[in-house]
């Protein structure tokens, strides 16, 4: 089976809107619930996810939603933020009944 060339892939990408491509990128970079514990402190993965989300909001003309996600992405990259502990795994925390 022949592999598509870069030109073939590029022309097939032109069939999608910029917003659709950004949404696909966000879906690709989003951390799934199954990967959450493994990647919750992975700075690159978290920054990628937040930056992609910001792009989606910018393309939807929602800069007020994009800005906090960009700030989160920068925080992951400059190490000014860290993942909070998982609420279900904190020591001494009991669920209220």
PDB file of N, CA and C in Angstrom:
ATOM      1  N   UNK A   1       0.844  -1.174   0.000  1.00  0.00           N
ATOM      2  CA  UNK A   1       0.000   0.000   0.000  1.00  0.00           C
ATOM      3  C   UNK A   1       0.895   1.245   0.000  1.00  0.00           C
ATOM      4  N   UNK A   2       0.580   2.211  -0.833  1.00  0.00           N
ATOM      5  CA  UNK A   2       1.365   3.431  -0.924  1.00  0.00           C
ATOM      6  C   UNK A   2       1.025   4.386   0.214  1.00  0.00           C
ATOM      7  N   UNK A   3       2.055   5.006   0.763  1.00  0.00           N
ATOM      8  CA  UNK A   3       1.860   6.013   1.801  1.00  0.00           C
ATOM      9  C   UNK A   3       1.594   7.354   1.138  1.00  0.00           C
ATOM     10  N   UNK A   4       0.685   8.157   1.698  1.00  0.00           N
ATOM     11  CA  UNK A   4       0.439   9.471   1.113  1.00  0.00           C
ATOM     12  C   UNK A   4       1.679  10.360   1.247  1.00  0.00           C
ATOM     13  N   UNK A   5       1.927  11.171   0.241  1.00  0.00           N
ATOM     14  CA  UNK A   5       3.059  12.085   0.282  1.00  0.00           C
ATOM     15  C   UNK A   5       2.685  13.316   1.096  1.00  0.00           C
ATOM     16  N   UNK A   6       3.691  14.128   1.408  1.00  0.00           N
ATOM     17  CA  UNK A   6       3.414  15.366   2.141  1.00  0.00           C
ATOM     18  C   UNK A   6       2.440  16.241   1.372  1.00  0.00           C
ATOM     19  N   UNK A   7       2.574  16.297   0.067  1.00  0.00           N
ATOM     20  CA  UNK A   7       1.689  17.112  -0.753  1.00  0.00           C
ATOM     21  C   UNK A   7       0.260  16.589  -0.667  1.00  0.00           C
ATOM     22  N   UNK A   8       0.088  15.267  -0.710  1.00  0.00           N
ATOM     23  CA  UNK A   8      -1.244  14.674  -0.591  1.00  0.00           C
ATOM     24  C   UNK A   8      -1.873  15.021   0.752  1.00  0.00           C
ATOM     25  N   UNK A   9      -1.075  14.920   1.817  1.00  0.00           N
ATOM     26  CA  UNK A   9      -1.602  15.234   3.146  1.00  0.00           C
ATOM     27  C   UNK A   9      -1.956  16.703   3.252  1.00  0.00           C
ATOM     28  N   UNK A  10      -1.116  17.565   2.677  1.00  0.00           N
ATOM     29  CA  UNK A  10      -1.375  18.993   2.740  1.00  0.00           C
ATOM     30  C   UNK A  10      -2.662  19.342   2.006  1.00  0.00           C
ATOM     31  N   UNK A  11      -2.860  18.766   0.833  1.00  0.00           N
ATOM     32  CA  UNK A  11      -4.081  19.072   0.085  1.00  0.00           C
ATOM     33  C   UNK A  11      -5.306  18.516   0.799  1.00  0.00           C
ATOM     34  N   UNK A  12      -5.176  17.389   1.470  1.00  0.00           N
ATOM     35  CA  UNK A  12      -6.329  16.855   2.204  1.00  0.00           C
ATOM     36  C   UNK A  12      -6.624  17.697   3.442  1.00  0.00           C
ATOM     37  N   UNK A  13      -5.603  18.312   4.026  1.00  0.00           N
ATOM     38  CA  UNK A  13      -5.830  19.193   5.175  1.00  0.00           C
ATOM     39  C   UNK A  13      -6.548  20.466   4.770  1.00  0.00           C
ATOM     40  N   UNK A  14      -6.374  20.884   3.527  1.00  0.00           N
ATOM     41  CA  UNK A  14      -7.027  22.114   3.079  1.00  0.00           C
ATOM     42  C   UNK A  14      -8.541  21.956   3.013  1.00  0.00           C
ATOM     43  N   UNK A  15      -9.026  20.739   3.106  1.00  0.00           N
ATOM     44  CA  UNK A  15     -10.469  20.494   3.117  1.00  0.00           C
ATOM     45  C   UNK A  15     -11.110  20.906   4.444  1.00  0.00           C
ATOM     46  N   UNK A  16     -10.292  21.133   5.466  1.00  0.00           N
ATOM     47  CA  UNK A  16     -10.803  21.453   6.789  1.00  0.00           C
ATOM     48  C   UNK A  16     -10.594  22.929   7.103  1.00  0.00           C
ATOM     49  N   UNK A  17     -11.489  23.491   7.910  1.00  0.00           N
ATOM     50  CA  UNK A  17     -11.325  24.877   8.347  1.00  0.00           C
ATOM     51  C   UNK A  17     -10.221  24.937   9.394  1.00  0.00           C
ATOM     52  N   UNK A  18      -9.703  26.126   9.604  1.00  0.00           N
ATOM     53  CA  UNK A  18      -8.679  26.319  10.623  1.00  0.00           C
ATOM     54  C   UNK A  18      -9.215  25.900  11.986  1.00  0.00           C
ATOM     55  N   UNK A  19     -10.460  26.242  12.260  1.00  0.00           N
ATOM     56  CA  UNK A  19     -11.065  25.874  13.549  1.00  0.00           C
ATOM     57  C   UNK A  19     -11.181  24.354  13.690  1.00  0.00           C
ATOM     58  N   UNK A  20     -11.536  23.670  12.627  1.00  0.00           N
ATOM     59  CA  UNK A  20     -11.620  22.210  12.676  1.00  0.00           C
ATOM     60  C   UNK A  20     -10.245  21.592  12.923  1.00  0.00           C
ATOM     61  N   UNK A  21      -9.231  22.139  12.283  1.00  0.00           N
ATOM     62  CA  UNK A  21      -7.872  21.629  12.491  1.00  0.00           C
ATOM     63  C   UNK A  21      -7.411  21.876  13.925  1.00  0.00           C
ATOM     64  N   UNK A  22      -7.717  23.058  14.457  1.00  0.00           N
ATOM     65  CA  UNK A  22      -7.343  23.367  15.843  1.00  0.00           C
ATOM     66  C   UNK A  22      -8.074  22.435  16.810  1.00  0.00           C
ATOM     67  N   UNK A  23      -9.338  22.176  16.555  1.00  0.00           N
ATOM     68  CA  UNK A  23     -10.111  21.271  17.415  1.00  0.00           C
ATOM     69  C   UNK A  23      -9.525  19.864  17.358  1.00  0.00           C
ATOM     70  N   UNK A  24      -9.126  19.432  16.178  1.00  0.00           N
ATOM     71  CA  UNK A  24      -8.505  18.106  16.047  1.00  0.00           C
ATOM     72  C   UNK A  24      -7.191  18.053  16.812  1.00  0.00           C
ATOM     73  N   UNK A  25      -6.407  19.135  16.741  1.00  0.00           N
ATOM     74  CA  UNK A  25      -5.155  19.193  17.502  1.00  0.00           C
ATOM     75  C   UNK A  25      -5.433  19.115  18.998  1.00  0.00           C
ATOM     76  N   UNK A  26      -6.437  19.855  19.457  1.00  0.00           N
ATOM     77  CA  UNK A  26      -6.794  19.810  20.879  1.00  0.00           C
ATOM     78  C   UNK A  26      -7.198  18.397  21.287  1.00  0.00           C
ATOM     79  N   UNK A  27      -7.996  17.757  20.468  1.00  0.00           N
ATOM     80  CA  UNK A  27      -8.410  16.382  20.786  1.00  0.00           C
ATOM     81  C   UNK A  27      -7.205  15.450  20.853  1.00  0.00           C
ATOM     82  N   UNK A  28      -6.243  15.648  19.971  1.00  0.00           N
ATOM     83  CA  UNK A  28      -5.036  14.812  19.953  1.00  0.00           C
ATOM     84  C   UNK A  28      -4.181  15.057  21.197  1.00  0.00           C
ATOM     85  N   UNK A  29      -4.117  16.323  21.650  1.00  0.00           N
ATOM     86  CA  UNK A  29      -3.233  16.681  22.761  1.00  0.00           C
ATOM     87  C   UNK A  29      -3.897  16.601  24.134  1.00  0.00           C
ATOM     88  N   UNK A  30      -5.213  16.454  24.173  1.00  0.00           N
ATOM     89  CA  UNK A  30      -5.911  16.383  25.454  1.00  0.00           C
ATOM     90  C   UNK A  30      -5.535  15.114  26.211  1.00  0.00           C
ATOM     91  N   UNK A  31      -5.408  15.272  27.498  1.00  0.00           N
ATOM     92  CA  UNK A  31      -5.075  14.140  28.366  1.00  0.00           C
ATOM     93  C   UNK A  31      -6.368  13.418  28.714  1.00  0.00           C
ATOM     94  N   UNK A  32      -6.431  12.167  28.352  1.00  0.00           N
ATOM     95  CA  UNK A  32      -7.645  11.381  28.619  1.00  0.00           C
ATOM     96  C   UNK A  32      -7.701  10.997  30.094  1.00  0.00           C
ATOM     97  N   UNK A  33      -8.888  10.671  30.590  1.00  0.00           N
ATOM     98  CA  UNK A  33      -9.000  10.222  31.987  1.00  0.00           C
ATOM     99  C   UNK A  33      -8.104   9.015  32.287  1.00  0.00           C
ATOM    100  N   UNK A  34      -7.902   8.154  31.294  1.00  0.00           N
ATOM    101  CA  UNK A  34      -7.050   6.981  31.499  1.00  0.00           C
ATOM    102  C   UNK A  34      -5.578   7.360  31.670  1.00  0.00           C
ATOM    103  N   UNK A  35      -5.176   8.484  31.076  1.00  0.00           N
ATOM    104  CA  UNK A  35      -3.781   8.922  31.144  1.00  0.00           C
ATOM    105  C   UNK A  35      -3.532   9.955  32.245  1.00  0.00           C
ATOM    106  N   UNK A  36      -4.597  10.391  32.901  1.00  0.00           N
ATOM    107  CA  UNK A  36      -4.501  11.523  33.821  1.00  0.00           C
ATOM    108  C   UNK A  36      -3.420  11.350  34.884  1.00  0.00           C
ATOM    109  N   UNK A  37      -3.433  10.248  35.613  1.00  0.00           N
ATOM    110  CA  UNK A  37      -2.455  10.072  36.690  1.00  0.00           C
ATOM    111  C   UNK A  37      -1.027   9.995  36.157  1.00  0.00           C
ATOM    112  N   UNK A  38      -0.864   9.421  34.972  1.00  0.00           N
ATOM    113  CA  UNK A  38       0.467   9.290  34.394  1.00  0.00           C
ATOM    114  C   UNK A  38       0.999  10.642  33.906  1.00  0.00           C
ATOM    115  N   UNK A  39       0.120  11.490  33.368  1.00  0.00           N
ATOM    116  CA  UNK A  39       0.562  12.735  32.732  1.00  0.00           C
ATOM    117  C   UNK A  39       0.229  14.015  33.500  1.00  0.00           C
ATOM    118  N   UNK A  40      -0.410  13.893  34.659  1.00  0.00           N
ATOM    119  CA  UNK A  40      -0.870  15.103  35.348  1.00  0.00           C
ATOM    120  C   UNK A  40       0.266  16.060  35.707  1.00  0.00           C
ATOM    121  N   UNK A  41       1.469  15.580  35.858  1.00  0.00           N
ATOM    122  CA  UNK A  41       2.616  16.437  36.183  1.00  0.00           C
ATOM    123  C   UNK A  41       3.584  16.593  35.013  1.00  0.00           C
ATOM    124  N   UNK A  42       3.209  16.091  33.855  1.00  0.00           N
ATOM    125  CA  UNK A  42       4.057  16.200  32.675  1.00  0.00           C
ATOM    126  C   UNK A  42       3.899  17.606  32.097  1.00  0.00           C
ATOM    127  N   UNK A  43       4.898  18.438  32.313  1.00  0.00           N
ATOM    128  CA  UNK A  43       4.812  19.853  31.941  1.00  0.00           C
ATOM    129  C   UNK A  43       4.582  20.063  30.450  1.00  0.00           C
ATOM    130  N   UNK A  44       5.258  19.301  29.628  1.00  0.00           N
ATOM    131  CA  UNK A  44       5.086  19.448  28.184  1.00  0.00           C
ATOM    132  C   UNK A  44       3.666  19.069  27.769  1.00  0.00           C
ATOM    133  N   UNK A  45       3.173  17.950  28.260  1.00  0.00           N
ATOM    134  CA  UNK A  45       1.823  17.502  27.910  1.00  0.00           C
ATOM    135  C   UNK A  45       0.776  18.502  28.380  1.00  0.00           C
ATOM    136  N   UNK A  46       0.942  19.011  29.599  1.00  0.00           N
ATOM    137  CA  UNK A  46      -0.035  19.967  30.132  1.00  0.00           C
ATOM    138  C   UNK A  46       0.010  21.288  29.372  1.00  0.00           C
ATOM    139  N   UNK A  47       1.220  21.769  29.039  1.00  0.00           N
ATOM    140  CA  UNK A  47       1.352  23.015  28.283  1.00  0.00           C
ATOM    141  C   UNK A  47       0.777  22.846  26.877  1.00  0.00           C
ATOM    142  N   UNK A  48       1.051  21.723  26.245  1.00  0.00           N
ATOM    143  CA  UNK A  48       0.495  21.454  24.913  1.00  0.00           C
ATOM    144  C   UNK A  48      -1.026  21.500  24.941  1.00  0.00           C
ATOM    145  N   UNK A  49      -1.613  20.834  25.914  1.00  0.00           N
ATOM    146  CA  UNK A  49      -3.070  20.770  26.024  1.00  0.00           C
ATOM    147  C   UNK A  49      -3.664  22.171  26.222  1.00  0.00           C
ATOM    148  N   UNK A  50      -3.080  22.941  27.118  1.00  0.00           N
ATOM    149  CA  UNK A  50      -3.597  24.277  27.407  1.00  0.00           C
ATOM    150  C   UNK A  50      -3.408  25.231  26.225  1.00  0.00           C
ATOM    151  N   UNK A  51      -2.266  25.162  25.555  1.00  0.00           N
ATOM    152  CA  UNK A  51      -2.015  26.030  24.399  1.00  0.00           C
ATOM    153  C   UNK A  51      -2.978  25.695  23.257  1.00  0.00           C
ATOM    154  N   UNK A  52      -3.221  24.428  23.029  1.00  0.00           N
ATOM    155  CA  UNK A  52      -4.164  24.024  21.979  1.00  0.00           C
ATOM    156  C   UNK A  52      -5.572  24.509  22.309  1.00  0.00           C
ATOM    157  N   UNK A  53      -5.956  24.398  23.567  1.00  0.00           N
ATOM    158  CA  UNK A  53      -7.280  24.896  23.978  1.00  0.00           C
ATOM    159  C   UNK A  53      -7.373  26.404  23.758  1.00  0.00           C
ATOM    160  N   UNK A  54      -6.308  27.120  24.059  1.00  0.00           N
ATOM    161  CA  UNK A  54      -6.296  28.566  23.859  1.00  0.00           C
ATOM    162  C   UNK A  54      -6.483  28.910  22.386  1.00  0.00           C
ATOM    163  N   UNK A  55      -5.829  28.183  21.505  1.00  0.00           N
ATOM    164  CA  UNK A  55      -5.966  28.431  20.063  1.00  0.00           C
ATOM    165  C   UNK A  55      -7.412  28.235  19.620  1.00  0.00           C
ATOM    166  N   UNK A  56      -8.043  27.180  20.111  1.00  0.00           N
ATOM    167  CA  UNK A  56      -9.447  26.931  19.763  1.00  0.00           C
ATOM    168  C   UNK A  56     -10.306  28.120  20.191  1.00  0.00           C
ATOM    169  N   UNK A  57     -10.111  28.600  21.415  1.00  0.00           N
ATOM    170  CA  UNK A  57     -10.909  29.733  21.883  1.00  0.00           C
ATOM    171  C   UNK A  57     -10.600  31.008  21.100  1.00  0.00           C
ATOM    172  N   UNK A  58      -9.345  31.217  20.733  1.00  0.00           N
ATOM    173  CA  UNK A  58      -9.012  32.393  19.929  1.00  0.00           C
ATOM    174  C   UNK A  58      -9.712  32.338  18.577  1.00  0.00           C
ATOM    175  N   UNK A  59      -9.720  31.184  17.966  1.00  0.00           N
ATOM    176  CA  UNK A  59     -10.382  31.038  16.671  1.00  0.00           C
ATOM    177  C   UNK A  59     -11.890  31.192  16.772  1.00  0.00           C
ATOM    178  N   UNK A  60     -12.437  30.938  17.958  1.00  0.00           N
ATOM    179  CA  UNK A  60     -13.873  31.134  18.190  1.00  0.00           C
ATOM    180  C   UNK A  60     -14.172  32.565  18.644  1.00  0.00           C
ATOM    181  N   UNK A  61     -13.164  33.425  18.573  1.00  0.00           N
ATOM    182  CA  UNK A  61     -13.281  34.832  18.978  1.00  0.00           C
ATOM    183  C   UNK A  61     -13.708  34.955  20.447  1.00  0.00           C
ATOM    184  N   UNK A  62     -13.055  34.146  21.296  1.00  0.00           N
ATOM    185  CA  UNK A  62     -13.311  34.166  22.736  1.00  0.00           C
ATOM    186  C   UNK A  62     -11.995  34.371  23.487  1.00  0.00           C
ATOM    187  N   UNK A  63     -11.385  35.565  23.338  1.00  0.00           N
ATOM    188  CA  UNK A  63     -10.088  35.797  23.972  1.00  0.00           C
ATOM    189  C   UNK A  63     -10.139  35.710  25.497  1.00  0.00           C
ATOM    190  N   UNK A  64     -11.291  35.999  26.086  1.00  0.00           N
ATOM    191  CA  UNK A  64     -11.406  35.915  27.547  1.00  0.00           C
ATOM    192  C   UNK A  64     -11.288  34.468  28.041  1.00  0.00           C
ATOM    193  N   UNK A  65     -11.586  33.507  27.182  1.00  0.00           N
ATOM    194  CA  UNK A  65     -11.407  32.093  27.519  1.00  0.00           C
ATOM    195  C   UNK A  65      -9.995  31.624  27.149  1.00  0.00           C
ATOM    196  N   UNK A  66      -9.408  32.242  26.145  1.00  0.00           N
ATOM    197  CA  UNK A  66      -8.076  31.845  25.690  1.00  0.00           C
ATOM    198  C   UNK A  66      -6.999  32.274  26.679  1.00  0.00           C
ATOM    199  N   UNK A  67      -7.124  33.471  27.224  1.00  0.00           N
ATOM    200  CA  UNK A  67      -6.070  34.026  28.074  1.00  0.00           C
ATOM    201  C   UNK A  67      -5.721  33.149  29.274  1.00  0.00           C
ATOM    202  N   UNK A  68      -6.683  32.693  30.071  1.00  0.00           N
ATOM    203  CA  UNK A  68      -6.285  31.848  31.214  1.00  0.00           C
ATOM    204  C   UNK A  68      -5.613  30.545  30.785  1.00  0.00           C
ATOM    205  N   UNK A  69      -5.986  30.025  29.637  1.00  0.00           N
ATOM    206  CA  UNK A  69      -5.351  28.793  29.160  1.00  0.00           C
ATOM    207  C   UNK A  69      -3.923  29.060  28.701  1.00  0.00           C
ATOM    208  N   UNK A  70      -3.706  30.217  28.073  1.00  0.00           N
ATOM    209  CA  UNK A  70      -2.335  30.594  27.713  1.00  0.00           C
ATOM    210  C   UNK A  70      -1.490  30.809  28.968  1.00  0.00           C
ATOM    211  N   UNK A  71      -2.084  31.428  29.983  1.00  0.00           N
ATOM    212  CA  UNK A  71      -1.367  31.636  31.241  1.00  0.00           C
ATOM    213  C   UNK A  71      -1.039  30.301  31.898  1.00  0.00           C
ATOM    214  N   UNK A  72      -1.958  29.351  31.823  1.00  0.00           N
ATOM    215  CA  UNK A  72      -1.695  28.010  32.357  1.00  0.00           C
ATOM    216  C   UNK A  72      -0.547  27.350  31.586  1.00  0.00           C
ATOM    217  N   UNK A  73      -0.564  27.468  30.262  1.00  0.00           N
ATOM    218  CA  UNK A  73       0.502  26.871  29.451  1.00  0.00           C
ATOM    219  C   UNK A  73       1.859  27.461  29.842  1.00  0.00           C
ATOM    220  N   UNK A  74       1.915  28.781  29.996  1.00  0.00           N
ATOM    221  CA  UNK A  74       3.167  29.433  30.400  1.00  0.00           C
ATOM    222  C   UNK A  74       3.572  28.955  31.795  1.00  0.00           C
ATOM    223  N   UNK A  75       2.609  28.841  32.689  1.00  0.00           N
ATOM    224  CA  UNK A  75       2.900  28.371  34.046  1.00  0.00           C
ATOM    225  C   UNK A  75       3.503  26.977  34.070  1.00  0.00           C
ATOM    226  N   UNK A  76       3.006  26.103  33.209  1.00  0.00           N
ATOM    227  CA  UNK A  76       3.590  24.762  33.123  1.00  0.00           C
ATOM    228  C   UNK A  76       5.009  24.835  32.599  1.00  0.00           C
ATOM    229  N   UNK A  77       5.231  25.691  31.611  1.00  0.00           N
ATOM    230  CA  UNK A  77       6.559  25.778  31.002  1.00  0.00           C
ATOM    231  C   UNK A  77       7.581  26.454  31.904  1.00  0.00           C
ATOM    232  N   UNK A  78       7.168  27.504  32.625  1.00  0.00           N
ATOM    233  CA  UNK A  78       8.139  28.205  33.477  1.00  0.00           C
ATOM    234  C   UNK A  78       8.181  27.645  34.902  1.00  0.00           C
ATOM    235  N   UNK A  79       7.441  26.569  35.119  1.00  0.00           N
ATOM    236  CA  UNK A  79       7.429  25.839  36.391  1.00  0.00           C
ATOM    237  C   UNK A  79       6.846  26.654  37.551  1.00  0.00           C
ATOM    238  N   UNK A  80       6.003  27.640  37.232  1.00  0.00           N
ATOM    239  CA  UNK A  80       5.390  28.435  38.287  1.00  0.00           C
ATOM    240  C   UNK A  80       4.120  27.774  38.830  1.00  0.00           C
ATOM    241  N   UNK A  81       3.636  26.734  38.157  1.00  0.00           N
ATOM    242  CA  UNK A  81       2.499  25.968  38.666  1.00  0.00           C
ATOM    243  C   UNK A  81       2.848  24.489  38.669  1.00  0.00           C
ATOM    244  N   UNK A  82       2.144  23.754  39.497  1.00  0.00           N
ATOM    245  CA  UNK A  82       2.307  22.304  39.592  1.00  0.00           C
ATOM    246  C   UNK A  82       0.933  21.675  39.707  1.00  0.00           C
ATOM    247  N   UNK A  83       0.870  20.416  39.429  1.00  0.00           N
ATOM    248  CA  UNK A  83      -0.397  19.695  39.534  1.00  0.00           C
ATOM    249  C   UNK A  83      -0.789  19.567  41.002  1.00  0.00           C
ATOM    250  N   UNK A  84      -2.048  19.878  41.329  1.00  0.00           N
ATOM    251  CA  UNK A  84      -2.500  19.655  42.701  1.00  0.00           C
ATOM    252  C   UNK A  84      -2.632  18.152  42.948  1.00  0.00           C
ATOM    253  N   UNK A  85      -2.592  17.752  44.207  1.00  0.00           N
ATOM    254  CA  UNK A  85      -2.776  16.320  44.489  1.00  0.00           C
ATOM    255  C   UNK A  85      -4.181  15.881  44.090  1.00  0.00           C
ATOM    256  N   UNK A  86      -4.291  14.647  43.725  1.00  0.00           N
ATOM    257  CA  UNK A  86      -5.583  14.083  43.359  1.00  0.00           C
ATOM    258  C   UNK A  86      -6.475  14.053  44.599  1.00  0.00           C
ATOM    259  N   UNK A  87      -7.667  14.636  44.538  1.00  0.00           N
ATOM    260  CA  UNK A  87      -8.526  14.680  45.724  1.00  0.00           C
ATOM    261  C   UNK A  87      -8.921  13.300  46.245  1.00  0.00           C
ATOM    262  N   UNK A  88      -8.952  12.307  45.373  1.00  0.00           N
ATOM    263  CA  UNK A  88      -9.340  10.970  45.824  1.00  0.00           C
ATOM    264  C   UNK A  88      -8.187  10.205  46.452  1.00  0.00           C
ATOM    265  N   UNK A  89      -6.957  10.756  46.342  1.00  0.00           N
ATOM    266  CA  UNK A  89      -5.799  10.062  46.893  1.00  0.00           C
ATOM    267  C   UNK A  89      -5.099  10.830  48.008  1.00  0.00           C
ATOM    268  N   UNK A  90      -5.651  11.954  48.435  1.00  0.00           N
ATOM    269  CA  UNK A  90      -5.015  12.720  49.510  1.00  0.00           C
ATOM    270  C   UNK A  90      -5.139  11.952  50.815  1.00  0.00           C
ATOM    271  N   UNK A  91      -4.062  11.995  51.601  1.00  0.00           N
ATOM    272  CA  UNK A  91      -4.087  11.328  52.903  1.00  0.00           C
ATOM    273  C   UNK A  91      -4.963  12.118  53.856  1.00  0.00           C
ATOM    274  N   UNK A  92      -5.750  11.411  54.601  1.00  0.00           N
ATOM    275  CA  UNK A  92      -6.571  12.032  55.627  1.00  0.00           C
ATOM    276  C   UNK A  92      -7.824  12.714  55.104  1.00  0.00           C
ATOM    277  N   UNK A  93      -8.106  12.596  53.836  1.00  0.00           N
ATOM    278  CA  UNK A  93      -9.298  13.219  53.276  1.00  0.00           C
ATOM    279  C   UNK A  93     -10.365  12.135  53.156  1.00  0.00           C
ATOM    280  N   UNK A  94     -11.503  12.430  53.770  1.00  0.00           N
ATOM    281  CA  UNK A  94     -12.610  11.496  53.675  1.00  0.00           C
ATOM    282  C   UNK A  94     -13.742  12.169  52.936  1.00  0.00           C
ATOM    283  N   UNK A  95     -14.466  11.424  52.149  1.00  0.00           N
ATOM    284  CA  UNK A  95     -15.607  12.010  51.459  1.00  0.00           C
ATOM    285  C   UNK A  95     -16.715  12.256  52.476  1.00  0.00           C
ATOM    286  N   UNK A  96     -17.441  13.351  52.255  1.00  0.00           N
ATOM    287  CA  UNK A  96     -18.548  13.679  53.144  1.00  0.00           C
ATOM    288  C   UNK A  96     -19.749  12.878  52.740  1.00  0.00           C
ATOM    289  N   UNK A  97     -20.400  12.345  53.735  1.00  0.00           N
ATOM    290  CA  UNK A  97     -21.574  11.519  53.446  1.00  0.00           C
ATOM    291  C   UNK A  97     -22.812  12.197  53.943  1.00  0.00           C
TER     292      UNK A  97
END
